[in-house]
């Protein structure tokens, strides 16, 4: 078993251009079922998450760098979670 990461901040809307490139938009998310902790658990394997915000039907994950964000997009695009394709 892996230790649970500390909960990431809810802030994902930093205006710093570098942070824009390290943010991932997760669309078509079944937020009735999928919670912030689930999103963090799924996406933390791609790198350290510094922010995660879940909204109705979508979420954002903020990584420390763009490389992590690109890996997450490549790895999770088209994945089915809670009956919906991301």
PDB file of N, CA and C in Angstrom:
ATOM      1  N   UNK A   1       0.832  -1.207   0.000  1.00  0.00           N
ATOM      2  CA  UNK A   1       0.000   0.000   0.000  1.00  0.00           C
ATOM      3  C   UNK A   1       0.867   1.257   0.000  1.00  0.00           C
ATOM      4  N   UNK A   2       0.371   2.284  -0.681  1.00  0.00           N
ATOM      5  CA  UNK A   2       1.110   3.543  -0.719  1.00  0.00           C
ATOM      6  C   UNK A   2       0.483   4.526   0.256  1.00  0.00           C
ATOM      7  N   UNK A   3       1.303   5.374   0.861  1.00  0.00           N
ATOM      8  CA  UNK A   3       0.744   6.344   1.804  1.00  0.00           C
ATOM      9  C   UNK A   3      -0.146   7.348   1.067  1.00  0.00           C
ATOM     10  N   UNK A   4      -1.187   7.785   1.726  1.00  0.00           N
ATOM     11  CA  UNK A   4      -2.085   8.772   1.132  1.00  0.00           C
ATOM     12  C   UNK A   4      -1.375  10.114   1.063  1.00  0.00           C
ATOM     13  N   UNK A   5      -1.448  10.790  -0.098  1.00  0.00           N
ATOM     14  CA  UNK A   5      -0.827  12.108  -0.177  1.00  0.00           C
ATOM     15  C   UNK A   5      -1.628  13.111   0.656  1.00  0.00           C
ATOM     16  N   UNK A   6      -0.953  14.144   1.106  1.00  0.00           N
ATOM     17  CA  UNK A   6      -1.661  15.205   1.827  1.00  0.00           C
ATOM     18  C   UNK A   6      -2.657  15.832   0.853  1.00  0.00           C
ATOM     19  N   UNK A   7      -3.792  16.263   1.361  1.00  0.00           N
ATOM     20  CA  UNK A   7      -4.802  16.870   0.497  1.00  0.00           C
ATOM     21  C   UNK A   7      -4.228  18.102  -0.185  1.00  0.00           C
ATOM     22  N   UNK A   8      -4.415  18.189  -1.484  1.00  0.00           N
ATOM     23  CA  UNK A   8      -3.950  19.340  -2.257  1.00  0.00           C
ATOM     24  C   UNK A   8      -4.845  20.541  -1.977  1.00  0.00           C
ATOM     25  N   UNK A   9      -4.307  21.681  -2.254  1.00  0.00           N
ATOM     26  CA  UNK A   9      -5.052  22.926  -2.134  1.00  0.00           C
ATOM     27  C   UNK A   9      -6.241  22.913  -3.092  1.00  0.00           C
ATOM     28  N   UNK A  10      -7.253  23.730  -2.810  1.00  0.00           N
ATOM     29  CA  UNK A  10      -8.390  23.877  -3.722  1.00  0.00           C
ATOM     30  C   UNK A  10      -8.110  24.902  -4.816  1.00  0.00           C
ATOM     31  N   UNK A  11      -6.957  25.570  -4.744  1.00  0.00           N
ATOM     32  CA  UNK A  11      -6.653  26.643  -5.690  1.00  0.00           C
ATOM     33  C   UNK A  11      -5.986  26.069  -6.941  1.00  0.00           C
ATOM     34  N   UNK A  12      -6.642  26.252  -8.099  1.00  0.00           N
ATOM     35  CA  UNK A  12      -6.063  25.783  -9.357  1.00  0.00           C
ATOM     36  C   UNK A  12      -6.056  26.895 -10.400  1.00  0.00           C
ATOM     37  N   UNK A  13      -6.455  28.093 -10.016  1.00  0.00           N
ATOM     38  CA  UNK A  13      -6.628  29.154 -11.019  1.00  0.00           C
ATOM     39  C   UNK A  13      -5.553  30.229 -10.928  1.00  0.00           C
ATOM     40  N   UNK A  14      -4.329  29.828 -10.615  1.00  0.00           N
ATOM     41  CA  UNK A  14      -3.228  30.786 -10.588  1.00  0.00           C
ATOM     42  C   UNK A  14      -3.030  31.380 -11.977  1.00  0.00           C
ATOM     43  N   UNK A  15      -2.689  32.652 -12.040  1.00  0.00           N
ATOM     44  CA  UNK A  15      -2.536  33.308 -13.343  1.00  0.00           C
ATOM     45  C   UNK A  15      -1.105  33.228 -13.869  1.00  0.00           C
ATOM     46  N   UNK A  16      -0.179  32.737 -13.067  1.00  0.00           N
ATOM     47  CA  UNK A  16       1.204  32.547 -13.492  1.00  0.00           C
ATOM     48  C   UNK A  16       1.234  31.648 -14.740  1.00  0.00           C
ATOM     49  N   UNK A  17       1.845  32.122 -15.847  1.00  0.00           N
ATOM     50  CA  UNK A  17       1.839  31.334 -17.100  1.00  0.00           C
ATOM     51  C   UNK A  17       2.422  29.931 -16.936  1.00  0.00           C
ATOM     52  N   UNK A  18       3.436  29.780 -16.098  1.00  0.00           N
ATOM     53  CA  UNK A  18       4.007  28.434 -15.901  1.00  0.00           C
ATOM     54  C   UNK A  18       2.992  27.511 -15.249  1.00  0.00           C
ATOM     55  N   UNK A  19       2.202  28.043 -14.318  1.00  0.00           N
ATOM     56  CA  UNK A  19       1.216  27.182 -13.662  1.00  0.00           C
ATOM     57  C   UNK A  19       0.065  26.853 -14.608  1.00  0.00           C
ATOM     58  N   UNK A  20      -0.203  27.726 -15.588  1.00  0.00           N
ATOM     59  CA  UNK A  20      -1.257  27.430 -16.570  1.00  0.00           C
ATOM     60  C   UNK A  20      -0.911  26.153 -17.337  1.00  0.00           C
ATOM     61  N   UNK A  21       0.367  26.000 -17.699  1.00  0.00           N
ATOM     62  CA  UNK A  21       0.801  24.838 -18.471  1.00  0.00           C
ATOM     63  C   UNK A  21       0.871  23.569 -17.634  1.00  0.00           C
ATOM     64  N   UNK A  22       0.820  23.701 -16.329  1.00  0.00           N
ATOM     65  CA  UNK A  22       0.890  22.514 -15.474  1.00  0.00           C
ATOM     66  C   UNK A  22      -0.484  22.159 -14.893  1.00  0.00           C
ATOM     67  N   UNK A  23      -1.535  22.774 -15.460  1.00  0.00           N
ATOM     68  CA  UNK A  23      -2.895  22.497 -15.005  1.00  0.00           C
ATOM     69  C   UNK A  23      -3.595  21.600 -16.019  1.00  0.00           C
ATOM     70  N   UNK A  24      -4.346  20.633 -15.520  1.00  0.00           N
ATOM     71  CA  UNK A  24      -5.071  19.704 -16.387  1.00  0.00           C
ATOM     72  C   UNK A  24      -6.565  19.888 -16.168  1.00  0.00           C
ATOM     73  N   UNK A  25      -7.300  20.067 -17.265  1.00  0.00           N
ATOM     74  CA  UNK A  25      -8.761  20.118 -17.221  1.00  0.00           C
ATOM     75  C   UNK A  25      -9.283  18.707 -17.424  1.00  0.00           C
ATOM     76  N   UNK A  26     -10.172  18.278 -16.540  1.00  0.00           N
ATOM     77  CA  UNK A  26     -10.760  16.942 -16.631  1.00  0.00           C
ATOM     78  C   UNK A  26     -12.251  17.129 -16.897  1.00  0.00           C
ATOM     79  N   UNK A  27     -12.640  16.897 -18.132  1.00  0.00           N
ATOM     80  CA  UNK A  27     -14.032  17.105 -18.522  1.00  0.00           C
ATOM     81  C   UNK A  27     -14.840  15.822 -18.484  1.00  0.00           C
ATOM     82  N   UNK A  28     -16.166  15.982 -18.540  1.00  0.00           N
ATOM     83  CA  UNK A  28     -17.117  14.867 -18.539  1.00  0.00           C
ATOM     84  C   UNK A  28     -16.920  13.970 -17.320  1.00  0.00           C
ATOM     85  N   UNK A  29     -16.731  14.604 -16.176  1.00  0.00           N
ATOM     86  CA  UNK A  29     -16.490  13.871 -14.933  1.00  0.00           C
ATOM     87  C   UNK A  29     -17.801  13.692 -14.174  1.00  0.00           C
ATOM     88  N   UNK A  30     -18.075  12.479 -13.761  1.00  0.00           N
ATOM     89  CA  UNK A  30     -19.301  12.200 -13.007  1.00  0.00           C
ATOM     90  C   UNK A  30     -19.090  12.631 -11.552  1.00  0.00           C
ATOM     91  N   UNK A  31     -19.321  13.920 -11.287  1.00  0.00           N
ATOM     92  CA  UNK A  31     -19.023  14.471  -9.959  1.00  0.00           C
ATOM     93  C   UNK A  31     -20.077  14.102  -8.914  1.00  0.00           C
ATOM     94  N   UNK A  32     -21.131  13.426  -9.325  1.00  0.00           N
ATOM     95  CA  UNK A  32     -22.074  12.895  -8.332  1.00  0.00           C
ATOM     96  C   UNK A  32     -21.437  11.710  -7.609  1.00  0.00           C
ATOM     97  N   UNK A  33     -20.527  11.042  -8.300  1.00  0.00           N
ATOM     98  CA  UNK A  33     -19.881   9.845  -7.764  1.00  0.00           C
ATOM     99  C   UNK A  33     -18.418  10.102  -7.403  1.00  0.00           C
ATOM    100  N   UNK A  34     -17.728  10.811  -8.289  1.00  0.00           N
ATOM    101  CA  UNK A  34     -16.285  11.016  -8.133  1.00  0.00           C
ATOM    102  C   UNK A  34     -16.021  12.259  -7.278  1.00  0.00           C
ATOM    103  N   UNK A  35     -15.263  12.083  -6.220  1.00  0.00           N
ATOM    104  CA  UNK A  35     -14.964  13.171  -5.286  1.00  0.00           C
ATOM    105  C   UNK A  35     -13.537  13.677  -5.486  1.00  0.00           C
ATOM    106  N   UNK A  36     -13.211  14.768  -4.811  1.00  0.00           N
ATOM    107  CA  UNK A  36     -11.865  15.362  -4.907  1.00  0.00           C
ATOM    108  C   UNK A  36     -10.787  14.340  -4.550  1.00  0.00           C
ATOM    109  N   UNK A  37     -11.021  13.569  -3.506  1.00  0.00           N
ATOM    110  CA  UNK A  37     -10.025  12.576  -3.083  1.00  0.00           C
ATOM    111  C   UNK A  37      -9.821  11.516  -4.166  1.00  0.00           C
ATOM    112  N   UNK A  38     -10.883  11.170  -4.905  1.00  0.00           N
ATOM    113  CA  UNK A  38     -10.771  10.203  -5.998  1.00  0.00           C
ATOM    114  C   UNK A  38      -9.924  10.776  -7.133  1.00  0.00           C
ATOM    115  N   UNK A  39     -10.198  12.030  -7.485  1.00  0.00           N
ATOM    116  CA  UNK A  39      -9.444  12.687  -8.556  1.00  0.00           C
ATOM    117  C   UNK A  39      -7.962  12.718  -8.190  1.00  0.00           C
ATOM    118  N   UNK A  40      -7.663  13.095  -6.945  1.00  0.00           N
ATOM    119  CA  UNK A  40      -6.271  13.147  -6.502  1.00  0.00           C
ATOM    120  C   UNK A  40      -5.631  11.763  -6.543  1.00  0.00           C
ATOM    121  N   UNK A  41      -6.367  10.746  -6.134  1.00  0.00           N
ATOM    122  CA  UNK A  41      -5.821   9.381  -6.132  1.00  0.00           C
ATOM    123  C   UNK A  41      -5.500   8.923  -7.550  1.00  0.00           C
ATOM    124  N   UNK A  42      -6.374   9.229  -8.504  1.00  0.00           N
ATOM    125  CA  UNK A  42      -6.173   8.818  -9.894  1.00  0.00           C
ATOM    126  C   UNK A  42      -4.998   9.565 -10.519  1.00  0.00           C
ATOM    127  N   UNK A  43      -4.923  10.870 -10.286  1.00  0.00           N
ATOM    128  CA  UNK A  43      -3.956  11.704 -11.003  1.00  0.00           C
ATOM    129  C   UNK A  43      -2.619  11.876 -10.283  1.00  0.00           C
ATOM    130  N   UNK A  44      -2.522  11.463  -9.031  1.00  0.00           N
ATOM    131  CA  UNK A  44      -1.264  11.649  -8.285  1.00  0.00           C
ATOM    132  C   UNK A  44      -0.137  10.756  -8.805  1.00  0.00           C
ATOM    133  N   UNK A  45      -0.479   9.696  -9.554  1.00  0.00           N
ATOM    134  CA  UNK A  45       0.580   8.822 -10.063  1.00  0.00           C
ATOM    135  C   UNK A  45       1.436   9.504 -11.130  1.00  0.00           C
ATOM    136  N   UNK A  46       0.988  10.660 -11.631  1.00  0.00           N
ATOM    137  CA  UNK A  46       1.739  11.369 -12.666  1.00  0.00           C
ATOM    138  C   UNK A  46       2.659  12.450 -12.101  1.00  0.00           C
ATOM    139  N   UNK A  47       2.552  12.712 -10.812  1.00  0.00           N
ATOM    140  CA  UNK A  47       3.411  13.735 -10.220  1.00  0.00           C
ATOM    141  C   UNK A  47       2.747  14.376  -9.014  1.00  0.00           C
ATOM    142  N   UNK A  48       3.472  15.261  -8.375  1.00  0.00           N
ATOM    143  CA  UNK A  48       2.955  15.933  -7.178  1.00  0.00           C
ATOM    144  C   UNK A  48       1.858  16.919  -7.567  1.00  0.00           C
ATOM    145  N   UNK A  49       0.700  16.743  -6.947  1.00  0.00           N
ATOM    146  CA  UNK A  49      -0.438  17.637  -7.180  1.00  0.00           C
ATOM    147  C   UNK A  49      -0.384  18.754  -6.144  1.00  0.00           C
ATOM    148  N   UNK A  50      -0.396  19.986  -6.613  1.00  0.00           N
ATOM    149  CA  UNK A  50      -0.391  21.118  -5.681  1.00  0.00           C
ATOM    150  C   UNK A  50      -1.773  21.735  -5.535  1.00  0.00           C
ATOM    151  N   UNK A  51      -2.662  21.428  -6.459  1.00  0.00           N
ATOM    152  CA  UNK A  51      -4.023  21.947  -6.358  1.00  0.00           C
ATOM    153  C   UNK A  51      -4.990  21.037  -7.086  1.00  0.00           C
ATOM    154  N   UNK A  52      -6.211  20.966  -6.564  1.00  0.00           N
ATOM    155  CA  UNK A  52      -7.245  20.153  -7.198  1.00  0.00           C
ATOM    156  C   UNK A  52      -8.588  20.787  -6.879  1.00  0.00           C
ATOM    157  N   UNK A  53      -9.363  21.100  -7.908  1.00  0.00           N
ATOM    158  CA  UNK A  53     -10.696  21.650  -7.667  1.00  0.00           C
ATOM    159  C   UNK A  53     -11.697  20.864  -8.494  1.00  0.00           C
ATOM    160  N   UNK A  54     -12.787  20.478  -7.848  1.00  0.00           N
ATOM    161  CA  UNK A  54     -13.828  19.697  -8.502  1.00  0.00           C
ATOM    162  C   UNK A  54     -15.085  20.560  -8.587  1.00  0.00           C
ATOM    163  N   UNK A  55     -15.657  20.620  -9.769  1.00  0.00           N
ATOM    164  CA  UNK A  55     -16.848  21.419 -10.028  1.00  0.00           C
ATOM    165  C   UNK A  55     -17.912  20.500 -10.603  1.00  0.00           C
ATOM    166  N   UNK A  56     -19.080  21.004 -10.901  1.00  0.00           N
ATOM    167  CA  UNK A  56     -20.145  20.156 -11.427  1.00  0.00           C
ATOM    168  C   UNK A  56     -19.799  19.686 -12.839  1.00  0.00           C
ATOM    169  N   UNK A  57     -19.432  18.419 -12.980  1.00  0.00           N
ATOM    170  CA  UNK A  57     -19.155  17.830 -14.282  1.00  0.00           C
ATOM    171  C   UNK A  57     -17.715  17.920 -14.754  1.00  0.00           C
ATOM    172  N   UNK A  58     -16.868  18.609 -13.996  1.00  0.00           N
ATOM    173  CA  UNK A  58     -15.466  18.721 -14.410  1.00  0.00           C
ATOM    174  C   UNK A  58     -14.575  19.015 -13.215  1.00  0.00           C
ATOM    175  N   UNK A  59     -13.272  18.923 -13.450  1.00  0.00           N
ATOM    176  CA  UNK A  59     -12.299  19.218 -12.398  1.00  0.00           C
ATOM    177  C   UNK A  59     -11.032  19.767 -13.028  1.00  0.00           C
ATOM    178  N   UNK A  60     -10.217  20.379 -12.183  1.00  0.00           N
ATOM    179  CA  UNK A  60      -8.883  20.804 -12.587  1.00  0.00           C
ATOM    180  C   UNK A  60      -7.888  20.186 -11.615  1.00  0.00           C
ATOM    181  N   UNK A  61      -6.749  19.769 -12.147  1.00  0.00           N
ATOM    182  CA  UNK A  61      -5.651  19.300 -11.305  1.00  0.00           C
ATOM    183  C   UNK A  61      -4.442  20.162 -11.648  1.00  0.00           C
ATOM    184  N   UNK A  62      -3.804  20.706 -10.618  1.00  0.00           N
ATOM    185  CA  UNK A  62      -2.618  21.546 -10.794  1.00  0.00           C
ATOM    186  C   UNK A  62      -1.397  20.759 -10.335  1.00  0.00           C
ATOM    187  N   UNK A  63      -0.455  20.550 -11.245  1.00  0.00           N
ATOM    188  CA  UNK A  63       0.782  19.853 -10.916  1.00  0.00           C
ATOM    189  C   UNK A  63       1.905  20.852 -10.668  1.00  0.00           C
ATOM    190  N   UNK A  64       3.033  20.357 -10.171  1.00  0.00           N
ATOM    191  CA  UNK A  64       4.178  21.228  -9.955  1.00  0.00           C
ATOM    192  C   UNK A  64       4.816  21.637 -11.276  1.00  0.00           C
ATOM    193  N   UNK A  65       4.711  20.803 -12.317  1.00  0.00           N
ATOM    194  CA  UNK A  65       5.306  21.190 -13.592  1.00  0.00           C
ATOM    195  C   UNK A  65       4.518  20.660 -14.795  1.00  0.00           C
ATOM    196  N   UNK A  66       4.855  21.207 -15.940  1.00  0.00           N
ATOM    197  CA  UNK A  66       4.144  20.891 -17.181  1.00  0.00           C
ATOM    198  C   UNK A  66       4.340  19.435 -17.599  1.00  0.00           C
ATOM    199  N   UNK A  67       5.506  18.874 -17.315  1.00  0.00           N
ATOM    200  CA  UNK A  67       5.787  17.486 -17.686  1.00  0.00           C
ATOM    201  C   UNK A  67       4.781  16.536 -17.024  1.00  0.00           C
ATOM    202  N   UNK A  68       4.485  16.774 -15.742  1.00  0.00           N
ATOM    203  CA  UNK A  68       3.497  15.953 -15.028  1.00  0.00           C
ATOM    204  C   UNK A  68       2.122  16.088 -15.678  1.00  0.00           C
ATOM    205  N   UNK A  69       1.761  17.321 -16.019  1.00  0.00           N
ATOM    206  CA  UNK A  69       0.449  17.580 -16.617  1.00  0.00           C
ATOM    207  C   UNK A  69       0.314  16.862 -17.960  1.00  0.00           C
ATOM    208  N   UNK A  70       1.369  16.936 -18.776  1.00  0.00           N
ATOM    209  CA  UNK A  70       1.329  16.269 -20.085  1.00  0.00           C
ATOM    210  C   UNK A  70       1.204  14.749 -19.931  1.00  0.00           C
ATOM    211  N   UNK A  71       1.915  14.204 -18.961  1.00  0.00           N
ATOM    212  CA  UNK A  71       1.850  12.758 -18.713  1.00  0.00           C
ATOM    213  C   UNK A  71       0.442  12.358 -18.280  1.00  0.00           C
ATOM    214  N   UNK A  72      -0.179  13.172 -17.443  1.00  0.00           N
ATOM    215  CA  UNK A  72      -1.532  12.880 -16.963  1.00  0.00           C
ATOM    216  C   UNK A  72      -2.532  12.902 -18.116  1.00  0.00           C
ATOM    217  N   UNK A  73      -2.415  13.906 -18.983  1.00  0.00           N
ATOM    218  CA  UNK A  73      -3.315  13.999 -20.137  1.00  0.00           C
ATOM    219  C   UNK A  73      -3.134  12.778 -21.033  1.00  0.00           C
ATOM    220  N   UNK A  74      -1.887  12.434 -21.311  1.00  0.00           N
ATOM    221  CA  UNK A  74      -1.609  11.281 -22.175  1.00  0.00           C
ATOM    222  C   UNK A  74      -2.128   9.990 -21.552  1.00  0.00           C
ATOM    223  N   UNK A  75      -1.983   9.853 -20.241  1.00  0.00           N
ATOM    224  CA  UNK A  75      -2.356   8.612 -19.573  1.00  0.00           C
ATOM    225  C   UNK A  75      -3.830   8.447 -19.296  1.00  0.00           C
ATOM    226  N   UNK A  76      -4.548   9.549 -19.120  1.00  0.00           N
ATOM    227  CA  UNK A  76      -5.948   9.457 -18.684  1.00  0.00           C
ATOM    228  C   UNK A  76      -6.974   9.838 -19.747  1.00  0.00           C
ATOM    229  N   UNK A  77      -6.547  10.438 -20.851  1.00  0.00           N
ATOM    230  CA  UNK A  77      -7.502  10.851 -21.882  1.00  0.00           C
ATOM    231  C   UNK A  77      -8.240   9.635 -22.408  1.00  0.00           C
ATOM    232  N   UNK A  78      -9.560   9.692 -22.386  1.00  0.00           N
ATOM    233  CA  UNK A  78     -10.365   8.582 -22.876  1.00  0.00           C
ATOM    234  C   UNK A  78     -10.643   7.496 -21.853  1.00  0.00           C
ATOM    235  N   UNK A  79     -10.091   7.638 -20.661  1.00  0.00           N
ATOM    236  CA  UNK A  79     -10.333   6.639 -19.608  1.00  0.00           C
ATOM    237  C   UNK A  79     -11.783   6.752 -19.125  1.00  0.00           C
ATOM    238  N   UNK A  80     -12.360   5.620 -18.791  1.00  0.00           N
ATOM    239  CA  UNK A  80     -13.723   5.638 -18.260  1.00  0.00           C
ATOM    240  C   UNK A  80     -13.681   5.621 -16.737  1.00  0.00           C
ATOM    241  N   UNK A  81     -14.333   6.585 -16.150  1.00  0.00           N
ATOM    242  CA  UNK A  81     -14.436   6.663 -14.691  1.00  0.00           C
ATOM    243  C   UNK A  81     -15.898   6.878 -14.337  1.00  0.00           C
ATOM    244  N   UNK A  82     -16.424   6.038 -13.479  1.00  0.00           N
ATOM    245  CA  UNK A  82     -17.825   6.112 -13.034  1.00  0.00           C
ATOM    246  C   UNK A  82     -18.788   6.187 -14.225  1.00  0.00           C
ATOM    247  N   UNK A  83     -18.496   5.385 -15.256  1.00  0.00           N
ATOM    248  CA  UNK A  83     -19.398   5.263 -16.391  1.00  0.00           C
ATOM    249  C   UNK A  83     -19.318   6.372 -17.418  1.00  0.00           C
ATOM    250  N   UNK A  84     -18.374   7.292 -17.274  1.00  0.00           N
ATOM    251  CA  UNK A  84     -18.239   8.380 -18.239  1.00  0.00           C
ATOM    252  C   UNK A  84     -16.797   8.445 -18.754  1.00  0.00           C
ATOM    253  N   UNK A  85     -16.640   8.713 -20.041  1.00  0.00           N
ATOM    254  CA  UNK A  85     -15.316   8.799 -20.651  1.00  0.00           C
ATOM    255  C   UNK A  85     -14.759  10.205 -20.446  1.00  0.00           C
ATOM    256  N   UNK A  86     -13.566  10.290 -19.866  1.00  0.00           N
ATOM    257  CA  UNK A  86     -12.945  11.595 -19.615  1.00  0.00           C
ATOM    258  C   UNK A  86     -12.499  12.242 -20.919  1.00  0.00           C
TER     259      UNK A  86
END
